Every structure is written in C-alpha cells, then in structure tokens.
Amino acid sequence: MHDREKVESFQIRMEEIIKKHDTEDAFEIIVSELNKCENRYLAEFMAPLNFLKYEPVLDWVEQNVHRVNNVTQDWGHLSASSNFTWERAEMWLEKGRPWSLVALDATMFCTTQGERLNQSPWMRELRPKLKDDPKLESIANGLKKYLDADNVPRTKKIVNRIINDIFEIE
C-alpha cells in the first residue's frame, strides 16, 4: 500500500525545486532523490520530471524502467513529455520489454489526434509530437514489425490505436 501523504509531499518538494532551479539543476536534484526512493514509489515520484520537458529524462527512463514490475502509462507519459523521438522508440522496441512498453505508450501520446478519453490536462496542454517528425509509414511499418515479436492484447490494442490515429482512421 502506498503512503499517499509521502507521495504528495515528495511531489510538492520537487515542484518547488523546479521553480527555484534551472532545468539542468532541477533534473539533477530530482534524479538524485529518485535514485534513493523505494521502487514501489518510483512511478508516482517521477511525475515532477514531466514539467521539465527535458530530453535527458529519456536516458533516466531507459536506465530505471527495469526497477518496476508493472510498467504503467506513467512511463510513456513522462517520455512523451521529454522530447521523445521515433528514433528512440525504435531503439526501445528493439530492446524489448520493459522499454518497448514505454516506447508504445510514448508513441501513442505523441500521435494522439484530438481529445483522448482520460487524457491528462498536462497532455492536452502540451500536445507532444515525435520530435524527429518521422514519416507516418515508417511508424506504421515499425509498429507492425514489432507485433511479430510481441502480439499480446495490450500491444495489439496500442499499435492499432497509434496506426488509426496517425492515419486518422475512425
């Protein structure tokens, strides 16, 4: 069971750090705190990193996603907020789980057209895009190729959603 007060207190402290420091320093301070936190709190404690919109967060994600047993959309949300690229998505898809799950979620957040059910206010405001502006066919072909390696229902659902969004299929 998570201690909600502990999570809220951490997030408030980190938001203060973001206000008081430049992006690079805030990132270093927050990461140093995250490196000391219990793995069960990691997904919630990392939330303030979203507000940095800072590409080095992606390296941190890559190095730390293995710390959790259940990869939630929070990891994709954070990656999409951090200048995610299709090039990185391809690397993470190639590495397999847990990185591929983050890549799929981040790609979904970066390709969503319009409002999405349960979309966070942050994502509505940020409207992230894949920063390297890949060709839509490249994304679709890469995702279809990934389905050959991992075609469980979660993966199929998100791949179909991304393809439908990028080609604006209803």
C-alpha atoms as a PDB file:
ATOM      1  CA  MET A   1       0.000   0.000   0.000  1.00  0.00           C
ATOM      2  CA  HIS A   2       1.292   3.441  -0.921  1.00  0.00           C
ATOM      3  CA  ASP A   3       1.534   6.244   1.563  1.00  0.00           C
ATOM      4  CA  ARG A   4      -0.394   8.982  -0.294  1.00  0.00           C
ATOM      5  CA  GLU A   5       0.953  11.679   2.014  1.00  0.00           C
ATOM      6  CA  LYS A   6       4.519  10.610   1.287  1.00  0.00           C
ATOM      7  CA  VAL A   7       3.874  10.818  -2.467  1.00  0.00           C
ATOM      8  CA  GLU A   8       2.195  14.233  -2.268  1.00  0.00           C
ATOM      9  CA  SER A   9       4.918  15.610  -0.010  1.00  0.00           C
ATOM     10  CA  PHE A  10       7.621  14.411  -2.400  1.00  0.00           C
ATOM     11  CA  GLN A  11       5.881  15.886  -5.432  1.00  0.00           C
ATOM     12  CA  ILE A  12       5.370  19.248  -3.734  1.00  0.00           C
ATOM     13  CA  ARG A  13       9.042  19.397  -2.716  1.00  0.00           C
ATOM     14  CA  MET A  14      10.138  18.555  -6.267  1.00  0.00           C
ATOM     15  CA  GLU A  15       7.816  21.184  -7.773  1.00  0.00           C
ATOM     16  CA  GLU A  16       9.462  23.763  -5.503  1.00  0.00           C
ATOM     17  CA  ILE A  17      12.866  22.636  -6.742  1.00  0.00           C
ATOM     18  CA  ILE A  18      11.706  23.093 -10.342  1.00  0.00           C
ATOM     19  CA  LYS A  19      10.591  26.641  -9.544  1.00  0.00           C
ATOM     20  CA  LYS A  20      13.866  27.567  -7.806  1.00  0.00           C
ATOM     21  CA  HIS A  21      16.414  25.989 -10.171  1.00  0.00           C
ATOM     22  CA  ASP A  22      17.196  25.934 -13.856  1.00  0.00           C
ATOM     23  CA  THR A  23      16.157  22.806 -15.752  1.00  0.00           C
ATOM     24  CA  GLU A  24      19.515  21.037 -15.618  1.00  0.00           C
ATOM     25  CA  ASP A  25      19.992  21.570 -11.875  1.00  0.00           C
ATOM     26  CA  ALA A  26      16.390  20.651 -11.078  1.00  0.00           C
ATOM     27  CA  PHE A  27      16.812  17.462 -13.088  1.00  0.00           C
ATOM     28  CA  GLU A  28      19.978  16.504 -11.207  1.00  0.00           C
ATOM     29  CA  ILE A  29      18.382  17.155  -7.802  1.00  0.00           C
ATOM     30  CA  ILE A  30      15.198  15.244  -8.625  1.00  0.00           C
ATOM     31  CA  VAL A  31      17.094  12.301 -10.104  1.00  0.00           C
ATOM     32  CA  SER A  32      19.305  12.110  -7.032  1.00  0.00           C
ATOM     33  CA  GLU A  33      16.144  11.834  -4.911  1.00  0.00           C
ATOM     34  CA  LEU A  34      14.594   9.268  -7.268  1.00  0.00           C
ATOM     35  CA  ASN A  35      17.721   7.147  -7.114  1.00  0.00           C
ATOM     36  CA  LYS A  36      17.166   6.822  -3.351  1.00  0.00           C
ATOM     37  CA  CYS A  37      13.425   6.145  -3.402  1.00  0.00           C
ATOM     38  CA  GLU A  38      11.799   2.768  -2.949  1.00  0.00           C
ATOM     39  CA  ASN A  39      10.929   1.149  -6.270  1.00  0.00           C
ATOM     40  CA  ARG A  40       7.251   0.899  -5.335  1.00  0.00           C
ATOM     41  CA  TYR A  41       7.040   4.723  -5.270  1.00  0.00           C
ATOM     42  CA  LEU A  42       9.030   5.352  -8.427  1.00  0.00           C
ATOM     43  CA  ALA A  43       6.141   5.796 -10.897  1.00  0.00           C
ATOM     44  CA  GLU A  44       4.488   8.414  -8.674  1.00  0.00           C
ATOM     45  CA  PHE A  45       7.683  10.136  -7.525  1.00  0.00           C
ATOM     46  CA  MET A  46       8.925  10.634 -11.090  1.00  0.00           C
ATOM     47  CA  ALA A  47       5.851  12.705 -12.074  1.00  0.00           C
ATOM     48  CA  PRO A  48       7.516  16.109 -11.494  1.00  0.00           C
ATOM     49  CA  LEU A  49      10.057  15.265 -14.214  1.00  0.00           C
ATOM     50  CA  ASN A  50       7.198  15.782 -16.708  1.00  0.00           C
ATOM     51  CA  PHE A  51       7.324  19.519 -16.096  1.00  0.00           C
ATOM     52  CA  LEU A  52      10.974  19.781 -17.132  1.00  0.00           C
ATOM     53  CA  LYS A  53      10.265  18.818 -20.773  1.00  0.00           C
ATOM     54  CA  TYR A  54      13.942  17.842 -20.846  1.00  0.00           C
ATOM     55  CA  GLU A  55      15.427  15.235 -23.187  1.00  0.00           C
ATOM     56  CA  PRO A  56      17.959  13.792 -20.658  1.00  0.00           C
ATOM     57  CA  VAL A  57      14.921  12.473 -18.764  1.00  0.00           C
ATOM     58  CA  LEU A  58      14.690   9.842 -21.521  1.00  0.00           C
ATOM     59  CA  ASP A  59      18.121   8.476 -20.583  1.00  0.00           C
ATOM     60  CA  TRP A  60      16.964   8.303 -16.970  1.00  0.00           C
ATOM     61  CA  VAL A  61      13.819   6.415 -18.048  1.00  0.00           C
ATOM     62  CA  GLU A  62      15.918   3.991 -20.068  1.00  0.00           C
ATOM     63  CA  GLN A  63      18.179   3.316 -17.091  1.00  0.00           C
ATOM     64  CA  ASN A  64      15.407   2.994 -14.489  1.00  0.00           C
ATOM     65  CA  VAL A  65      12.292   1.415 -16.010  1.00  0.00           C
ATOM     66  CA  HIS A  66      13.623  -2.026 -15.037  1.00  0.00           C
ATOM     67  CA  ARG A  67      13.121  -1.047 -11.378  1.00  0.00           C
ATOM     68  CA  VAL A  68       9.365  -1.641 -11.612  1.00  0.00           C
ATOM     69  CA  ASN A  69       7.458  -4.863 -12.191  1.00  0.00           C
ATOM     70  CA  ASN A  70       4.379  -3.257 -13.735  1.00  0.00           C
ATOM     71  CA  VAL A  71       5.138  -0.713 -16.450  1.00  0.00           C
ATOM     72  CA  THR A  72       2.290   1.785 -16.320  1.00  0.00           C
ATOM     73  CA  GLN A  73       1.451   4.511 -18.828  1.00  0.00           C
ATOM     74  CA  ASP A  74       3.172   6.955 -16.472  1.00  0.00           C
ATOM     75  CA  TRP A  75       6.478   5.955 -18.086  1.00  0.00           C
ATOM     76  CA  GLY A  76       5.173   6.686 -21.577  1.00  0.00           C
ATOM     77  CA  HIS A  77       3.616   9.926 -20.349  1.00  0.00           C
ATOM     78  CA  LEU A  78       6.966  11.041 -18.943  1.00  0.00           C
ATOM     79  CA  SER A  79       8.801  10.044 -22.119  1.00  0.00           C
ATOM     80  CA  ALA A  80       6.306  11.886 -24.347  1.00  0.00           C
ATOM     81  CA  SER A  81       6.792  14.979 -22.164  1.00  0.00           C
ATOM     82  CA  SER A  82      10.557  14.767 -22.629  1.00  0.00           C
ATOM     83  CA  ASN A  83      11.022  15.348 -26.366  1.00  0.00           C
ATOM     84  CA  PHE A  84      10.517  11.733 -27.424  1.00  0.00           C
ATOM     85  CA  THR A  85      11.591  10.699 -30.932  1.00  0.00           C
ATOM     86  CA  TRP A  86      10.692   7.849 -33.246  1.00  0.00           C
ATOM     87  CA  GLU A  87      14.409   7.018 -33.390  1.00  0.00           C
ATOM     88  CA  ARG A  88      14.383   6.351 -29.639  1.00  0.00           C
ATOM     89  CA  ALA A  89      11.083   4.474 -29.926  1.00  0.00           C
ATOM     90  CA  GLU A  90      12.683   2.141 -32.477  1.00  0.00           C
ATOM     91  CA  MET A  91      15.658   1.543 -30.162  1.00  0.00           C
ATOM     92  CA  TRP A  92      13.366   0.730 -27.238  1.00  0.00           C
ATOM     93  CA  LEU A  93      11.140  -1.521 -29.349  1.00  0.00           C
ATOM     94  CA  GLU A  94      14.268  -3.403 -30.403  1.00  0.00           C
ATOM     95  CA  LYS A  95      15.351  -3.815 -26.750  1.00  0.00           C
ATOM     96  CA  GLY A  96      12.015  -5.440 -25.902  1.00  0.00           C
ATOM     97  CA  ARG A  97      10.245  -5.269 -22.581  1.00  0.00           C
ATOM     98  CA  PRO A  98      10.045  -3.204 -20.423  1.00  0.00           C
ATOM     99  CA  TRP A  99      11.418  -0.489 -22.766  1.00  0.00           C
ATOM    100  CA  SER A 100       9.107  -1.447 -25.625  1.00  0.00           C
ATOM    101  CA  LEU A 101       6.029  -0.867 -23.464  1.00  0.00           C
ATOM    102  CA  VAL A 102       7.264   2.634 -22.656  1.00  0.00           C
ATOM    103  CA  ALA A 103       8.002   3.245 -26.342  1.00  0.00           C
ATOM    104  CA  LEU A 104       4.492   2.206 -27.339  1.00  0.00           C
ATOM    105  CA  ASP A 105       2.826   4.393 -24.718  1.00  0.00           C
ATOM    106  CA  ALA A 106       5.046   7.390 -25.507  1.00  0.00           C
ATOM    107  CA  THR A 107       4.393   6.985 -29.225  1.00  0.00           C
ATOM    108  CA  MET A 108       0.668   6.831 -28.529  1.00  0.00           C
ATOM    109  CA  PHE A 109       0.814  10.059 -26.506  1.00  0.00           C
ATOM    110  CA  CYS A 110       2.843  11.716 -29.291  1.00  0.00           C
ATOM    111  CA  THR A 111       0.458  10.663 -32.066  1.00  0.00           C
ATOM    112  CA  THR A 112      -2.926  11.169 -30.403  1.00  0.00           C
ATOM    113  CA  GLN A 113      -5.241  13.247 -32.550  1.00  0.00           C
ATOM    114  CA  GLY A 114      -7.669  15.476 -30.644  1.00  0.00           C
ATOM    115  CA  GLU A 115      -9.003  14.663 -27.188  1.00  0.00           C
ATOM    116  CA  ARG A 116      -8.482  11.196 -25.759  1.00  0.00           C
ATOM    117  CA  LEU A 117     -10.565   9.589 -23.031  1.00  0.00           C
ATOM    118  CA  ASN A 118      -8.882  10.092 -19.638  1.00  0.00           C
ATOM    119  CA  GLN A 119      -6.186  12.282 -21.171  1.00  0.00           C
ATOM    120  CA  SER A 120      -4.370  14.294 -18.514  1.00  0.00           C
ATOM    121  CA  PRO A 121      -4.715  18.080 -18.575  1.00  0.00           C
ATOM    122  CA  TRP A 122      -0.922  18.168 -18.983  1.00  0.00           C
ATOM    123  CA  MET A 123      -1.069  16.170 -22.231  1.00  0.00           C
ATOM    124  CA  ARG A 124      -3.963  18.282 -23.525  1.00  0.00           C
ATOM    125  CA  GLU A 125      -1.882  21.407 -22.954  1.00  0.00           C
ATOM    126  CA  LEU A 126       1.487  20.030 -24.102  1.00  0.00           C
ATOM    127  CA  ARG A 127       0.211  18.114 -27.158  1.00  0.00           C
ATOM    128  CA  PRO A 128       3.512  16.259 -27.581  1.00  0.00           C
ATOM    129  CA  LYS A 129       4.731  15.190 -31.001  1.00  0.00           C
ATOM    130  CA  LEU A 130       7.579  12.936 -32.061  1.00  0.00           C
ATOM    131  CA  LYS A 131      10.413  15.456 -32.263  1.00  0.00           C
ATOM    132  CA  ASP A 132      12.132  13.918 -35.275  1.00  0.00           C
ATOM    133  CA  ASP A 133       8.926  14.184 -37.371  1.00  0.00           C
ATOM    134  CA  PRO A 134       9.124  10.686 -38.908  1.00  0.00           C
ATOM    135  CA  LYS A 135       7.143   9.584 -41.951  1.00  0.00           C
ATOM    136  CA  LEU A 136       3.836   8.045 -40.924  1.00  0.00           C
ATOM    137  CA  GLU A 137       4.573   4.938 -42.979  1.00  0.00           C
ATOM    138  CA  SER A 138       7.823   4.438 -41.027  1.00  0.00           C
ATOM    139  CA  ILE A 139       5.931   4.471 -37.751  1.00  0.00           C
ATOM    140  CA  ALA A 140       3.245   2.090 -39.029  1.00  0.00           C
ATOM    141  CA  ASN A 141       5.774  -0.320 -40.547  1.00  0.00           C
ATOM    142  CA  GLY A 142       7.941  -0.277 -37.408  1.00  0.00           C
ATOM    143  CA  LEU A 143       4.968  -0.996 -35.181  1.00  0.00           C
ATOM    144  CA  LYS A 144       3.696  -3.803 -37.422  1.00  0.00           C
ATOM    145  CA  LYS A 145       7.175  -5.346 -37.364  1.00  0.00           C
ATOM    146  CA  TYR A 146       7.202  -5.134 -33.567  1.00  0.00           C
ATOM    147  CA  LEU A 147       3.903  -7.052 -33.446  1.00  0.00           C
ATOM    148  CA  ASP A 148       5.753 -10.045 -34.900  1.00  0.00           C
ATOM    149  CA  ALA A 149       7.785 -10.217 -31.685  1.00  0.00           C
ATOM    150  CA  ASP A 150       5.118  -9.182 -29.164  1.00  0.00           C
ATOM    151  CA  ASN A 151       1.486  -9.613 -30.144  1.00  0.00           C
ATOM    152  CA  VAL A 152      -0.260  -9.810 -26.780  1.00  0.00           C
ATOM    153  CA  PRO A 153      -3.590  -7.957 -26.470  1.00  0.00           C
ATOM    154  CA  ARG A 154      -2.063  -4.859 -24.808  1.00  0.00           C
ATOM    155  CA  THR A 155       0.439  -4.478 -27.635  1.00  0.00           C
ATOM    156  CA  LYS A 156      -2.089  -5.128 -30.411  1.00  0.00           C
ATOM    157  CA  LYS A 157      -4.506  -2.597 -28.937  1.00  0.00           C
ATOM    158  CA  ILE A 158      -1.977   0.216 -28.659  1.00  0.00           C
ATOM    159  CA  VAL A 159      -0.409  -0.452 -32.078  1.00  0.00           C
ATOM    160  CA  ASN A 160      -3.849  -0.359 -33.707  1.00  0.00           C
ATOM    161  CA  ARG A 161      -4.692   2.823 -31.849  1.00  0.00           C
ATOM    162  CA  ILE A 162      -1.470   4.549 -32.952  1.00  0.00           C
ATOM    163  CA  ILE A 163      -1.931   3.491 -36.577  1.00  0.00           C
ATOM    164  CA  ASN A 164      -5.567   4.638 -36.538  1.00  0.00           C
ATOM    165  CA  ASP A 165      -4.549   7.988 -35.032  1.00  0.00           C
ATOM    166  CA  ILE A 166      -1.674   8.712 -37.413  1.00  0.00           C
ATOM    167  CA  PHE A 167      -3.787   7.913 -40.456  1.00  0.00           C
ATOM    168  CA  GLU A 168      -6.888   9.480 -38.856  1.00  0.00           C
ATOM    169  CA  ILE A 169      -8.940   6.306 -39.196  1.00  0.00           C
ATOM    170  CA  GLU A 170     -12.036   6.174 -37.039  1.00  0.00           C
END
